[in-house]
Amino acid sequence: MSKLNKEEQEILEAYESGKTRKSKDAPATQKRHKEYAEAMLRKDARINIRLPSKDLRSLQKRALAEGIPYQTLAASILHKYVEGRLSENS
């Protein structure tokens, strides 16, 4: 586990000591976040794409370094690009 900063450590200690409590809107917030996660993970389309072998090998190496399947990495890159969080100059 990575080291926690001071604020994170304080939150963890408060949680473990029972000093935290749920907010009044916790069920609605949890439901909304669950819906976001389900929508993000929904895979309802398939594409086939041709890449230069060198690019595919590079993608597979990066995915291996990240510990994820290369298809997942490719989908993540495409998603970030279409959402505007990744540009051609990045």
PDB file of N, CA and C in Angstrom:
ATOM      1  N   MET A   1       0.849  -1.188   0.000  1.00  0.00           N
ATOM      2  CA  MET A   1       0.000   0.000   0.000  1.00  0.00           C
ATOM      3  C   MET A   1       0.882   1.234   0.000  1.00  0.00           C
ATOM      4  N   SER A   2       0.482   2.261  -0.717  1.00  0.00           N
ATOM      5  CA  SER A   2       1.267   3.485  -0.769  1.00  0.00           C
ATOM      6  C   SER A   2       1.118   4.251   0.547  1.00  0.00           C
ATOM      7  N   LYS A   3       2.067   5.132   0.805  1.00  0.00           N
ATOM      8  CA  LYS A   3       2.020   5.934   2.030  1.00  0.00           C
ATOM      9  C   LYS A   3       0.892   6.943   1.934  1.00  0.00           C
ATOM     10  N   LEU A   4       0.274   7.197   3.063  1.00  0.00           N
ATOM     11  CA  LEU A   4      -0.807   8.163   3.123  1.00  0.00           C
ATOM     12  C   LEU A   4      -0.257   9.521   3.520  1.00  0.00           C
ATOM     13  N   ASN A   5      -0.863  10.582   2.966  1.00  0.00           N
ATOM     14  CA  ASN A   5      -0.468  11.910   3.424  1.00  0.00           C
ATOM     15  C   ASN A   5      -1.167  12.181   4.761  1.00  0.00           C
ATOM     16  N   LYS A   6      -0.878  13.318   5.366  1.00  0.00           N
ATOM     17  CA  LYS A   6      -1.399  13.622   6.701  1.00  0.00           C
ATOM     18  C   LYS A   6      -2.924  13.597   6.733  1.00  0.00           C
ATOM     19  N   GLU A   7      -3.551  14.237   5.749  1.00  0.00           N
ATOM     20  CA  GLU A   7      -5.018  14.285   5.719  1.00  0.00           C
ATOM     21  C   GLU A   7      -5.612  12.887   5.559  1.00  0.00           C
ATOM     22  N   GLU A   8      -5.035  12.087   4.668  1.00  0.00           N
ATOM     23  CA  GLU A   8      -5.522  10.717   4.461  1.00  0.00           C
ATOM     24  C   GLU A   8      -5.364   9.883   5.732  1.00  0.00           C
ATOM     25  N   GLN A   9      -4.248  10.067   6.430  1.00  0.00           N
ATOM     26  CA  GLN A   9      -4.015   9.332   7.665  1.00  0.00           C
ATOM     27  C   GLN A   9      -5.044   9.715   8.729  1.00  0.00           C
ATOM     28  N   GLU A  10      -5.363  11.001   8.817  1.00  0.00           N
ATOM     29  CA  GLU A  10      -6.372  11.462   9.775  1.00  0.00           C
ATOM     30  C   GLU A  10      -7.740  10.876   9.460  1.00  0.00           C
ATOM     31  N   ILE A  11      -8.083  10.820   8.193  1.00  0.00           N
ATOM     32  CA  ILE A  11      -9.368  10.240   7.784  1.00  0.00           C
ATOM     33  C   ILE A  11      -9.413   8.762   8.129  1.00  0.00           C
ATOM     34  N   LEU A  12      -8.340   8.053   7.841  1.00  0.00           N
ATOM     35  CA  LEU A  12      -8.282   6.620   8.155  1.00  0.00           C
ATOM     36  C   LEU A  12      -8.416   6.386   9.655  1.00  0.00           C
ATOM     37  N   GLU A  13      -7.718   7.168  10.447  1.00  0.00           N
ATOM     38  CA  GLU A  13      -7.785   7.010  11.905  1.00  0.00           C
ATOM     39  C   GLU A  13      -9.187   7.310  12.433  1.00  0.00           C
ATOM     40  N   ALA A  14      -9.830   8.341  11.891  1.00  0.00           N
ATOM     41  CA  ALA A  14     -11.193   8.671  12.302  1.00  0.00           C
ATOM     42  C   ALA A  14     -12.148   7.539  11.943  1.00  0.00           C
ATOM     43  N   TYR A  15     -11.980   6.974  10.759  1.00  0.00           N
ATOM     44  CA  TYR A  15     -12.830   5.859  10.327  1.00  0.00           C
ATOM     45  C   TYR A  15     -12.629   4.648  11.223  1.00  0.00           C
ATOM     46  N   GLU A  16     -11.371   4.288  11.446  1.00  0.00           N
ATOM     47  CA  GLU A  16     -11.067   3.099  12.247  1.00  0.00           C
ATOM     48  C   GLU A  16     -11.503   3.250  13.701  1.00  0.00           C
ATOM     49  N   SER A  17     -11.536   4.468  14.216  1.00  0.00           N
ATOM     50  CA  SER A  17     -11.942   4.676  15.608  1.00  0.00           C
ATOM     51  C   SER A  17     -13.452   4.855  15.750  1.00  0.00           C
ATOM     52  N   GLY A  18     -14.160   4.831  14.640  1.00  0.00           N
ATOM     53  CA  GLY A  18     -15.616   4.951  14.677  1.00  0.00           C
ATOM     54  C   GLY A  18     -16.122   6.372  14.809  1.00  0.00           C
ATOM     55  N   LYS A  19     -15.270   7.354  14.546  1.00  0.00           N
ATOM     56  CA  LYS A  19     -15.664   8.754  14.674  1.00  0.00           C
ATOM     57  C   LYS A  19     -16.351   9.301  13.427  1.00  0.00           C
ATOM     58  N   THR A  20     -16.444   8.507  12.388  1.00  0.00           N
ATOM     59  CA  THR A  20     -17.093   8.973  11.163  1.00  0.00           C
ATOM     60  C   THR A  20     -18.529   8.481  11.122  1.00  0.00           C
ATOM     61  N   ARG A  21     -19.354   9.179  10.370  1.00  0.00           N
ATOM     62  CA  ARG A  21     -20.737   8.729  10.185  1.00  0.00           C
ATOM     63  C   ARG A  21     -21.162   9.066   8.756  1.00  0.00           C
ATOM     64  N   LYS A  22     -22.127   8.330   8.262  1.00  0.00           N
ATOM     65  CA  LYS A  22     -22.616   8.547   6.903  1.00  0.00           C
ATOM     66  C   LYS A  22     -23.381   9.854   6.822  1.00  0.00           C
ATOM     67  N   SER A  23     -23.277  10.492   5.669  1.00  0.00           N
ATOM     68  CA  SER A  23     -24.075  11.697   5.450  1.00  0.00           C
ATOM     69  C   SER A  23     -25.523  11.287   5.203  1.00  0.00           C
ATOM     70  N   LYS A  24     -26.420  12.237   5.331  1.00  0.00           N
ATOM     71  CA  LYS A  24     -27.843  11.942   5.140  1.00  0.00           C
ATOM     72  C   LYS A  24     -28.156  11.490   3.724  1.00  0.00           C
ATOM     73  N   ASP A  25     -27.388  11.982   2.746  1.00  0.00           N
ATOM     74  CA  ASP A  25     -27.658  11.627   1.354  1.00  0.00           C
ATOM     75  C   ASP A  25     -26.748  10.499   0.847  1.00  0.00           C
ATOM     76  N   ALA A  26     -26.137   9.751   1.759  1.00  0.00           N
ATOM     77  CA  ALA A  26     -25.218   8.676   1.362  1.00  0.00           C
ATOM     78  C   ALA A  26     -25.867   7.658   0.426  1.00  0.00           C
ATOM     79  N   PRO A  27     -27.077   7.168   0.707  1.00  0.00           N
ATOM     80  CA  PRO A  27     -27.667   6.185  -0.223  1.00  0.00           C
ATOM     81  C   PRO A  27     -27.836   6.725  -1.643  1.00  0.00           C
ATOM     82  N   ALA A  28     -28.254   7.981  -1.771  1.00  0.00           N
ATOM     83  CA  ALA A  28     -28.428   8.572  -3.109  1.00  0.00           C
ATOM     84  C   ALA A  28     -27.080   8.745  -3.791  1.00  0.00           C
ATOM     85  N   THR A  29     -26.074   9.166  -3.039  1.00  0.00           N
ATOM     86  CA  THR A  29     -24.731   9.338  -3.597  1.00  0.00           C
ATOM     87  C   THR A  29     -24.169   8.000  -4.043  1.00  0.00           C
ATOM     88  N   GLN A  30     -24.329   6.976  -3.221  1.00  0.00           N
ATOM     89  CA  GLN A  30     -23.843   5.642  -3.577  1.00  0.00           C
ATOM     90  C   GLN A  30     -24.542   5.131  -4.832  1.00  0.00           C
ATOM     91  N   LYS A  31     -25.845   5.344  -4.920  1.00  0.00           N
ATOM     92  CA  LYS A  31     -26.596   4.899  -6.099  1.00  0.00           C
ATOM     93  C   LYS A  31     -26.090   5.609  -7.351  1.00  0.00           C
ATOM     94  N   ARG A  32     -25.889   6.929  -7.256  1.00  0.00           N
ATOM     95  CA  ARG A  32     -25.422   7.706  -8.400  1.00  0.00           C
ATOM     96  C   ARG A  32     -24.035   7.234  -8.848  1.00  0.00           C
ATOM     97  N   HIS A  33     -23.144   7.007  -7.906  1.00  0.00           N
ATOM     98  CA  HIS A  33     -21.799   6.559  -8.257  1.00  0.00           C
ATOM     99  C   HIS A  33     -21.806   5.145  -8.830  1.00  0.00           C
ATOM    100  N   LYS A  34     -22.699   4.311  -8.339  1.00  0.00           N
ATOM    101  CA  LYS A  34     -22.838   2.960  -8.899  1.00  0.00           C
ATOM    102  C   LYS A  34     -23.297   3.037 -10.353  1.00  0.00           C
ATOM    103  N   GLU A  35     -24.249   3.909 -10.631  1.00  0.00           N
ATOM    104  CA  GLU A  35     -24.727   4.088 -12.008  1.00  0.00           C
ATOM    105  C   GLU A  35     -23.612   4.600 -12.914  1.00  0.00           C
ATOM    106  N   TYR A  36     -22.784   5.533 -12.408  1.00  0.00           N
ATOM    107  CA  TYR A  36     -21.659   6.034 -13.185  1.00  0.00           C
ATOM    108  C   TYR A  36     -20.696   4.896 -13.524  1.00  0.00           C
ATOM    109  N   ALA A  37     -20.390   4.085 -12.521  1.00  0.00           N
ATOM    110  CA  ALA A  37     -19.445   2.986 -12.722  1.00  0.00           C
ATOM    111  C   ALA A  37     -19.993   1.974 -13.724  1.00  0.00           C
ATOM    112  N   GLU A  38     -21.265   1.641 -13.601  1.00  0.00           N
ATOM    113  CA  GLU A  38     -21.870   0.682 -14.530  1.00  0.00           C
ATOM    114  C   GLU A  38     -21.851   1.216 -15.953  1.00  0.00           C
ATOM    115  N   ALA A  39     -22.161   2.488 -16.115  1.00  0.00           N
ATOM    116  CA  ALA A  39     -22.154   3.093 -17.454  1.00  0.00           C
ATOM    117  C   ALA A  39     -20.744   3.095 -18.026  1.00  0.00           C
ATOM    118  N   MET A  40     -19.762   3.359 -17.182  1.00  0.00           N
ATOM    119  CA  MET A  40     -18.376   3.415 -17.634  1.00  0.00           C
ATOM    120  C   MET A  40     -17.876   2.035 -18.063  1.00  0.00           C
ATOM    121  N   LEU A  41     -18.343   1.000 -17.396  1.00  0.00           N
ATOM    122  CA  LEU A  41     -17.862  -0.350 -17.676  1.00  0.00           C
ATOM    123  C   LEU A  41     -18.670  -1.072 -18.750  1.00  0.00           C
ATOM    124  N   ARG A  42     -19.809  -0.491 -19.132  1.00  0.00           N
ATOM    125  CA  ARG A  42     -20.664  -1.125 -20.135  1.00  0.00           C
ATOM    126  C   ARG A  42     -19.951  -1.140 -21.476  1.00  0.00           C
ATOM    127  N   LYS A  43     -19.842  -2.297 -22.031  1.00  0.00           N
ATOM    128  CA  LYS A  43     -19.199  -2.444 -23.336  1.00  0.00           C
ATOM    129  C   LYS A  43     -20.257  -2.962 -24.300  1.00  0.00           C
ATOM    130  N   ASP A  44     -20.728  -2.089 -25.153  1.00  0.00           N
ATOM    131  CA  ASP A  44     -21.823  -2.488 -26.019  1.00  0.00           C
ATOM    132  C   ASP A  44     -21.495  -2.399 -27.503  1.00  0.00           C
ATOM    133  N   ALA A  45     -20.229  -2.183 -27.828  1.00  0.00           N
ATOM    134  CA  ALA A  45     -19.840  -2.128 -29.236  1.00  0.00           C
ATOM    135  C   ALA A  45     -18.463  -2.752 -29.405  1.00  0.00           C
ATOM    136  N   ARG A  46     -18.249  -3.303 -30.566  1.00  0.00           N
ATOM    137  CA  ARG A  46     -16.971  -3.943 -30.876  1.00  0.00           C
ATOM    138  C   ARG A  46     -16.402  -3.285 -32.124  1.00  0.00           C
ATOM    139  N   ILE A  47     -15.093  -3.096 -32.135  1.00  0.00           N
ATOM    140  CA  ILE A  47     -14.442  -2.580 -33.332  1.00  0.00           C
ATOM    141  C   ILE A  47     -13.268  -3.480 -33.688  1.00  0.00           C
ATOM    142  N   ASN A  48     -12.934  -3.480 -34.927  1.00  0.00           N
ATOM    143  CA  ASN A  48     -11.716  -4.138 -35.396  1.00  0.00           C
ATOM    144  C   ASN A  48     -10.838  -3.048 -35.986  1.00  0.00           C
ATOM    145  N   ILE A  49      -9.563  -3.117 -35.709  1.00  0.00           N
ATOM    146  CA  ILE A  49      -8.659  -2.070 -36.151  1.00  0.00           C
ATOM    147  C   ILE A  49      -7.341  -2.696 -36.582  1.00  0.00           C
ATOM    148  N   ARG A  50      -6.772  -2.169 -37.624  1.00  0.00           N
ATOM    149  CA  ARG A  50      -5.459  -2.624 -38.084  1.00  0.00           C
ATOM    150  C   ARG A  50      -4.425  -1.611 -37.637  1.00  0.00           C
ATOM    151  N   LEU A  51      -3.360  -2.120 -37.011  1.00  0.00           N
ATOM    152  CA  LEU A  51      -2.257  -1.284 -36.528  1.00  0.00           C
ATOM    153  C   LEU A  51      -0.949  -1.821 -37.068  1.00  0.00           C
ATOM    154  N   PRO A  52       0.030  -0.971 -37.186  1.00  0.00           N
ATOM    155  CA  PRO A  52       1.366  -1.487 -37.495  1.00  0.00           C
ATOM    156  C   PRO A  52       1.813  -2.417 -36.351  1.00  0.00           C
ATOM    157  N   SER A  53       2.473  -3.496 -36.679  1.00  0.00           N
ATOM    158  CA  SER A  53       2.914  -4.464 -35.669  1.00  0.00           C
ATOM    159  C   SER A  53       3.730  -3.804 -34.568  1.00  0.00           C
ATOM    160  N   LYS A  54       4.557  -2.852 -34.951  1.00  0.00           N
ATOM    161  CA  LYS A  54       5.398  -2.156 -33.973  1.00  0.00           C
ATOM    162  C   LYS A  54       4.534  -1.412 -32.946  1.00  0.00           C
ATOM    163  N   ASP A  55       3.475  -0.750 -33.406  1.00  0.00           N
ATOM    164  CA  ASP A  55       2.590  -0.029 -32.491  1.00  0.00           C
ATOM    165  C   ASP A  55       1.867  -0.995 -31.555  1.00  0.00           C
ATOM    166  N   LEU A  56       1.408  -2.115 -32.085  1.00  0.00           N
ATOM    167  CA  LEU A  56       0.727  -3.105 -31.251  1.00  0.00           C
ATOM    168  C   LEU A  56       1.669  -3.646 -30.178  1.00  0.00           C
ATOM    169  N   ARG A  57       2.911  -3.968 -30.557  1.00  0.00           N
ATOM    170  CA  ARG A  57       3.876  -4.467 -29.574  1.00  0.00           C
ATOM    171  C   ARG A  57       4.142  -3.417 -28.498  1.00  0.00           C
ATOM    172  N   SER A  58       4.253  -2.172 -28.908  1.00  0.00           N
ATOM    173  CA  SER A  58       4.474  -1.092 -27.936  1.00  0.00           C
ATOM    174  C   SER A  58       3.285  -0.955 -26.987  1.00  0.00           C
ATOM    175  N   LEU A  59       2.083  -1.045 -27.532  1.00  0.00           N
ATOM    176  CA  LEU A  59       0.875  -0.983 -26.717  1.00  0.00           C
ATOM    177  C   LEU A  59       0.841  -2.150 -25.726  1.00  0.00           C
ATOM    178  N   GLN A  60       1.182  -3.338 -26.196  1.00  0.00           N
ATOM    179  CA  GLN A  60       1.188  -4.508 -25.322  1.00  0.00           C
ATOM    180  C   GLN A  60       2.233  -4.370 -24.217  1.00  0.00           C
ATOM    181  N   LYS A  61       3.395  -3.813 -24.527  1.00  0.00           N
ATOM    182  CA  LYS A  61       4.436  -3.611 -23.521  1.00  0.00           C
ATOM    183  C   LYS A  61       3.972  -2.628 -22.451  1.00  0.00           C
ATOM    184  N   ARG A  62       3.356  -1.543 -22.892  1.00  0.00           N
ATOM    185  CA  ARG A  62       2.865  -0.549 -21.921  1.00  0.00           C
ATOM    186  C   ARG A  62       1.775  -1.145 -21.039  1.00  0.00           C
ATOM    187  N   ALA A  63       0.895  -1.917 -21.645  1.00  0.00           N
ATOM    188  CA  ALA A  63      -0.183  -2.546 -20.874  1.00  0.00           C
ATOM    189  C   ALA A  63       0.395  -3.527 -19.861  1.00  0.00           C
ATOM    190  N   LEU A  64       1.383  -4.282 -20.273  1.00  0.00           N
ATOM    191  CA  LEU A  64       2.029  -5.233 -19.367  1.00  0.00           C
ATOM    192  C   LEU A  64       2.651  -4.493 -18.189  1.00  0.00           C
ATOM    193  N   ALA A  65       3.295  -3.362 -18.464  1.00  0.00           N
ATOM    194  CA  ALA A  65       3.908  -2.556 -17.399  1.00  0.00           C
ATOM    195  C   ALA A  65       2.852  -2.024 -16.434  1.00  0.00           C
ATOM    196  N   GLU A  66       1.650  -1.731 -16.962  1.00  0.00           N
ATOM    197  CA  GLU A  66       0.553  -1.235 -16.136  1.00  0.00           C
ATOM    198  C   GLU A  66      -0.199  -2.367 -15.444  1.00  0.00           C
ATOM    199  N   GLY A  67       0.012  -3.593 -15.918  1.00  0.00           N
ATOM    200  CA  GLY A  67      -0.680  -4.737 -15.328  1.00  0.00           C
ATOM    201  C   GLY A  67      -2.121  -4.873 -15.773  1.00  0.00           C
ATOM    202  N   ILE A  68      -2.403  -4.410 -17.005  1.00  0.00           N
ATOM    203  CA  ILE A  68      -3.759  -4.507 -17.544  1.00  0.00           C
ATOM    204  C   ILE A  68      -3.710  -5.096 -18.947  1.00  0.00           C
ATOM    205  N   PRO A  69      -4.819  -5.662 -19.426  1.00  0.00           N
ATOM    206  CA  PRO A  69      -4.847  -6.158 -20.800  1.00  0.00           C
ATOM    207  C   PRO A  69      -4.676  -5.009 -21.798  1.00  0.00           C
ATOM    208  N   TYR A  70      -4.029  -5.290 -22.923  1.00  0.00           N
ATOM    209  CA  TYR A  70      -3.772  -4.216 -23.884  1.00  0.00           C
ATOM    210  C   TYR A  70      -5.063  -3.669 -24.485  1.00  0.00           C
ATOM    211  N   GLN A  71      -6.097  -4.501 -24.600  1.00  0.00           N
ATOM    212  CA  GLN A  71      -7.368  -4.001 -25.127  1.00  0.00           C
ATOM    213  C   GLN A  71      -7.961  -2.964 -24.176  1.00  0.00           C
ATOM    214  N   THR A  72      -7.814  -3.197 -22.878  1.00  0.00           N
ATOM    215  CA  THR A  72      -8.308  -2.258 -21.873  1.00  0.00           C
ATOM    216  C   THR A  72      -7.555  -0.941 -21.977  1.00  0.00           C
ATOM    217  N   LEU A  73      -6.240  -1.016 -22.154  1.00  0.00           N
ATOM    218  CA  LEU A  73      -5.442   0.195 -22.307  1.00  0.00           C
ATOM    219  C   LEU A  73      -5.863   0.949 -23.564  1.00  0.00           C
ATOM    220  N   ALA A  74      -6.043   0.254 -24.666  1.00  0.00           N
ATOM    221  CA  ALA A  74      -6.455   0.901 -25.915  1.00  0.00           C
ATOM    222  C   ALA A  74      -7.817   1.577 -25.746  1.00  0.00           C
ATOM    223  N   ALA A  75      -8.760   0.890 -25.100  1.00  0.00           N
ATOM    224  CA  ALA A  75     -10.084   1.473 -24.874  1.00  0.00           C
ATOM    225  C   ALA A  75      -9.989   2.705 -23.979  1.00  0.00           C
ATOM    226  N   SER A  76      -9.127   2.659 -22.971  1.00  0.00           N
ATOM    227  CA  SER A  76      -8.950   3.793 -22.073  1.00  0.00           C
ATOM    228  C   SER A  76      -8.375   4.993 -22.812  1.00  0.00           C
ATOM    229  N   ILE A  77      -7.392   4.754 -23.662  1.00  0.00           N
ATOM    230  CA  ILE A  77      -6.796   5.841 -24.444  1.00  0.00           C
ATOM    231  C   ILE A  77      -7.845   6.473 -25.359  1.00  0.00           C
ATOM    232  N   LEU A  78      -8.619   5.645 -26.047  1.00  0.00           N
ATOM    233  CA  LEU A  78      -9.663   6.165 -26.932  1.00  0.00           C
ATOM    234  C   LEU A  78     -10.707   6.953 -26.148  1.00  0.00           C
ATOM    235  N   HIS A  79     -11.101   6.424 -24.997  1.00  0.00           N
ATOM    236  CA  HIS A  79     -12.107   7.098 -24.171  1.00  0.00           C
ATOM    237  C   HIS A  79     -11.602   8.470 -23.725  1.00  0.00           C
ATOM    238  N   LYS A  80     -10.369   8.528 -23.239  1.00  0.00           N
ATOM    239  CA  LYS A  80      -9.809   9.811 -22.797  1.00  0.00           C
ATOM    240  C   LYS A  80      -9.735  10.803 -23.956  1.00  0.00           C
ATOM    241  N   TYR A  81      -9.390  10.317 -25.130  1.00  0.00           N
ATOM    242  CA  TYR A  81      -9.292  11.197 -26.298  1.00  0.00           C
ATOM    243  C   TYR A  81     -10.658  11.780 -26.664  1.00  0.00           C
ATOM    244  N   VAL A  82     -11.671  10.944 -26.754  1.00  0.00           N
ATOM    245  CA  VAL A  82     -12.985  11.448 -27.163  1.00  0.00           C
ATOM    246  C   VAL A  82     -13.617  12.323 -26.084  1.00  0.00           C
ATOM    247  N   GLU A  83     -13.214  12.148 -24.837  1.00  0.00           N
ATOM    248  CA  GLU A  83     -13.710  12.994 -23.748  1.00  0.00           C
ATOM    249  C   GLU A  83     -12.931  14.301 -23.650  1.00  0.00           C
ATOM    250  N   GLY A  84     -11.870  14.461 -24.468  1.00  0.00           N
ATOM    251  CA  GLY A  84     -11.089  15.686 -24.456  1.00  0.00           C
ATOM    252  C   GLY A  84     -10.020  15.742 -23.389  1.00  0.00           C
ATOM    253  N   ARG A  85      -9.755  14.622 -22.726  1.00  0.00           N
ATOM    254  CA  ARG A  85      -8.739  14.591 -21.681  1.00  0.00           C
ATOM    255  C   ARG A  85      -7.386  14.139 -22.200  1.00  0.00           C
ATOM    256  N   LEU A  86      -7.314  13.880 -23.497  1.00  0.00           N
ATOM    257  CA  LEU A  86      -6.076  13.466 -24.139  1.00  0.00           C
ATOM    258  C   LEU A  86      -6.049  14.105 -25.514  1.00  0.00           C
ATOM    259  N   SER A  87      -4.991  14.814 -25.817  1.00  0.00           N
ATOM    260  CA  SER A  87      -4.946  15.479 -27.110  1.00  0.00           C
ATOM    261  C   SER A  87      -3.805  14.893 -27.942  1.00  0.00           C
ATOM    262  N   GLU A  88      -3.787  15.238 -29.215  1.00  0.00           N
ATOM    263  CA  GLU A  88      -2.756  14.733 -30.116  1.00  0.00           C
ATOM    264  C   GLU A  88      -1.376  15.196 -29.686  1.00  0.00           C
ATOM    265  N   ASN A  89      -1.296  16.316 -29.016  1.00  0.00           N
ATOM    266  CA  ASN A  89      -0.001  16.865 -28.607  1.00  0.00           C
ATOM    267  C   ASN A  89       0.453  16.388 -27.238  1.00  0.00           C
ATOM    268  N   SER A  90      -0.346  15.566 -26.561  1.00  0.00           N
ATOM    269  CA  SER A  90       0.017  15.099 -25.220  1.00  0.00           C
ATOM    270  C   SER A  90       1.110  14.074 -25.272  1.00  0.00           C
TER     271      SER A  90
END
